[in-house]
Amino acid sequence: MVKTLIAAASLLAVSQAFSLDWQRPDCSAFDSFRECRNAERNDYRRQKQQELRDKGLSFWYFERPDFSDNQVVEKALEDKVEGVLFFSFTVERDGSVSAVALRDQSSEEVQVYAAPILAAMKNWQFVPSETSWPDQEWRYQFFFESENCEEGSRESDCDADSAFNN
């Protein structure tokens, strides 16, 4: 019992330390918000898909989260709630996804985005394989343009190190 409590406390401490260390991506090397956002999103997706392919896994269907028609999420997007969410899941032998769970987050506030992401991930489909693959991970991060980069601003006036949703 004591060992279980110590292990749980250690896991919680490591998890919290990791969560608190999240920082917005450095976009200073990019000319625009759009370029930074797309590069950040695409680089992560390519990296994760390559990791999965190296294990013998390939996406058959990748559903994106639907954040519309959810007033709480829309309010968080409007308020520009930033942070990162880490999810875990299992790829079953038939290619379906199970045991989808929120593993960690950078703050309690960013957790508002989790429900639509969990719903989308449950619909992911992989090419069937001979074995199941537990403990797979995926990340979604949310970061926004600075206030001076709102719609209608000239791109040259905008802070280049801000972006949205990876």
Protein backbone atom coordinates (compact mmCIF):
# COMPACT_ATOMS: atom_id res chain seq x y z
CA MET A 1 0.00 0.00 0.00
CA VAL A 2 2.76 2.44 0.96
CA LYS A 3 4.73 1.59 -2.20
CA THR A 4 1.62 2.23 -4.29
CA LEU A 5 1.09 5.63 -2.67
CA ILE A 6 4.73 6.59 -3.15
CA ALA A 7 4.61 5.52 -6.81
CA ALA A 8 1.40 7.48 -7.38
CA ALA A 9 2.85 10.58 -5.70
CA SER A 10 6.02 10.31 -7.79
CA LEU A 11 4.00 10.00 -10.99
CA LEU A 12 1.89 12.99 -10.00
CA ALA A 13 4.99 15.09 -9.21
CA VAL A 14 6.64 14.21 -12.52
CA SER A 15 3.38 14.87 -14.37
CA GLN A 16 2.92 18.27 -12.73
CA ALA A 17 6.53 19.30 -13.32
CA PHE A 18 6.18 18.38 -16.98
CA SER A 19 2.89 20.26 -17.31
CA LEU A 20 4.22 23.41 -15.74
CA ASP A 21 7.18 23.50 -18.15
CA TRP A 22 5.10 24.01 -21.32
CA GLN A 23 6.03 27.10 -23.29
CA ARG A 24 4.67 28.55 -26.47
CA PRO A 25 6.70 27.55 -29.53
CA ASP A 26 9.38 30.01 -30.62
CA CYS A 27 8.21 31.40 -33.94
CA SER A 28 10.87 34.10 -34.30
CA ALA A 29 12.35 32.40 -37.38
CA PHE A 30 9.07 32.71 -39.31
CA ASP A 31 7.81 35.60 -41.39
CA SER A 32 4.15 35.21 -40.43
CA PHE A 33 1.74 33.75 -37.96
CA ARG A 34 0.29 31.40 -40.57
CA GLU A 35 3.72 30.08 -41.56
CA CYS A 36 4.67 29.39 -37.93
CA ARG A 37 1.35 27.73 -37.08
CA ASN A 38 1.45 25.49 -40.14
CA ALA A 39 5.08 24.52 -39.65
CA GLU A 40 4.55 23.69 -35.98
CA ARG A 41 1.44 21.63 -36.69
CA ASN A 42 2.82 19.82 -39.73
CA ASP A 43 6.22 19.06 -38.22
CA TYR A 44 4.62 17.48 -35.16
CA ARG A 45 2.14 15.47 -37.23
CA ARG A 46 4.88 14.21 -39.58
CA GLN A 47 7.11 13.27 -36.64
CA LYS A 48 4.34 11.34 -34.87
CA GLN A 49 3.22 9.61 -38.06
CA GLN A 50 6.81 8.54 -38.74
CA GLU A 51 7.10 7.17 -35.19
CA LEU A 52 3.91 5.21 -35.74
CA ARG A 53 5.10 3.91 -39.14
CA ASP A 54 8.38 2.80 -37.53
CA LYS A 55 6.26 0.61 -35.23
CA GLY A 56 4.26 -0.74 -38.17
CA LEU A 57 1.21 1.50 -37.65
CA SER A 58 -0.41 3.64 -40.34
CA PHE A 59 -3.43 5.90 -40.16
CA TRP A 60 -6.38 4.82 -42.22
CA TYR A 61 -8.61 7.62 -40.96
CA PHE A 62 -7.59 10.68 -38.95
CA GLU A 63 -10.54 12.70 -37.63
CA ARG A 64 -9.92 16.27 -36.57
CA PRO A 65 -11.68 17.61 -33.47
CA ASP A 66 -14.84 19.64 -34.00
CA PHE A 67 -14.81 22.65 -31.69
CA SER A 68 -18.00 24.18 -33.13
CA ASP A 69 -21.36 24.06 -31.39
CA ASN A 70 -19.70 23.92 -27.98
CA GLN A 71 -20.20 27.21 -26.14
CA VAL A 72 -17.63 26.45 -23.44
CA VAL A 73 -14.92 25.68 -26.02
CA GLU A 74 -15.92 28.65 -28.17
CA LYS A 75 -15.59 30.90 -25.10
CA ALA A 76 -12.12 29.45 -24.35
CA LEU A 77 -11.07 30.08 -27.95
CA GLU A 78 -12.43 33.61 -27.75
CA ASP A 79 -10.57 34.15 -24.46
CA LYS A 80 -7.44 32.64 -26.04
CA VAL A 81 -6.87 29.97 -23.40
CA GLU A 82 -3.39 28.63 -24.18
CA GLY A 83 -1.68 25.40 -23.27
CA VAL A 84 -1.07 21.83 -24.26
CA LEU A 85 -2.95 18.55 -23.81
CA PHE A 86 -1.34 15.12 -23.95
CA PHE A 87 -3.45 12.07 -24.77
CA SER A 88 -2.79 8.34 -24.65
CA PHE A 89 -4.55 5.62 -26.61
CA THR A 90 -4.33 1.99 -27.70
CA VAL A 91 -4.42 0.84 -31.31
CA GLU A 92 -6.26 -2.50 -31.41
CA ARG A 93 -5.46 -5.35 -33.81
CA ASP A 94 -8.44 -4.44 -35.99
CA GLY A 95 -7.12 -0.86 -36.32
CA SER A 96 -9.67 0.71 -34.00
CA VAL A 97 -8.63 2.99 -31.16
CA SER A 98 -9.50 2.30 -27.52
CA ALA A 99 -8.49 3.50 -24.05
CA VAL A 100 -8.35 7.10 -25.23
CA ALA A 101 -7.56 9.30 -22.26
CA LEU A 102 -6.27 12.72 -21.36
CA ARG A 103 -2.86 11.97 -19.86
CA ASP A 104 -1.63 15.43 -18.95
CA GLN A 105 -2.26 19.14 -19.46
CA SER A 106 -0.31 22.33 -18.95
CA SER A 107 -3.11 23.93 -16.92
CA GLU A 108 -6.62 23.23 -15.69
CA GLU A 109 -7.96 25.94 -18.04
CA VAL A 110 -6.71 24.24 -21.23
CA GLN A 111 -8.60 21.06 -20.29
CA VAL A 112 -11.74 22.72 -21.72
CA TYR A 113 -10.57 21.57 -25.19
CA ALA A 114 -10.27 17.90 -24.22
CA ALA A 115 -13.82 16.59 -24.87
CA PRO A 116 -13.93 17.32 -28.64
CA ILE A 117 -10.42 15.93 -29.04
CA LEU A 118 -11.28 12.72 -27.15
CA ALA A 119 -14.39 12.30 -29.32
CA ALA A 120 -12.35 12.68 -32.53
CA MET A 121 -9.57 10.35 -31.39
CA LYS A 122 -12.08 7.59 -30.63
CA ASN A 123 -12.95 7.63 -34.35
CA TRP A 124 -9.37 7.31 -35.56
CA GLN A 125 -8.73 4.18 -37.58
CA PHE A 126 -5.41 2.48 -38.31
CA VAL A 127 -4.52 -0.22 -40.79
CA PRO A 128 -5.12 -3.57 -38.99
CA SER A 129 -2.03 -5.33 -37.64
CA GLU A 130 -1.10 -8.59 -35.96
CA THR A 131 -0.79 -7.02 -32.52
CA SER A 132 -2.33 -4.25 -30.48
CA TRP A 133 -0.29 -1.19 -29.59
CA PRO A 134 -0.99 0.24 -26.10
CA ASP A 135 0.36 3.50 -24.69
CA GLN A 136 0.50 5.55 -27.88
CA GLU A 137 0.65 9.31 -27.37
CA TRP A 138 -0.59 12.41 -29.15
CA ARG A 139 -0.36 16.12 -28.33
CA TYR A 140 -2.62 19.07 -29.07
CA GLN A 141 -1.39 22.54 -28.24
CA PHE A 142 -3.20 25.84 -28.34
CA PHE A 143 -1.46 29.15 -28.80
CA PHE A 144 -2.68 32.37 -30.34
CA GLU A 145 -1.64 35.48 -32.17
CA SER A 146 -0.82 38.47 -30.06
CA GLU A 147 -3.47 41.19 -29.79
CA ASN A 148 -1.82 43.38 -32.43
CA CYS A 149 -2.27 40.57 -34.98
CA GLU A 150 -6.05 40.53 -34.98
CA GLU A 151 -7.98 40.35 -38.23
CA GLY A 152 -7.34 43.35 -40.44
CA SER A 153 -3.84 44.06 -39.10
CA ARG A 154 -0.93 44.31 -41.48
CA GLU A 155 1.26 41.24 -41.20
CA SER A 156 4.35 43.43 -40.77
CA ASP A 157 2.79 44.87 -37.57
CA CYS A 158 2.30 41.44 -36.03
CA ASP A 159 4.42 39.66 -33.48
CA ALA A 160 5.89 36.70 -35.35
CA ASP A 161 6.17 34.38 -32.33
CA SER A 162 2.52 33.58 -31.84
CA ALA A 163 0.21 31.01 -33.41
CA PHE A 164 -2.85 28.75 -32.86
CA ASN A 165 -3.79 25.09 -32.34
CA ASN A 166 -1.50 22.30 -33.28
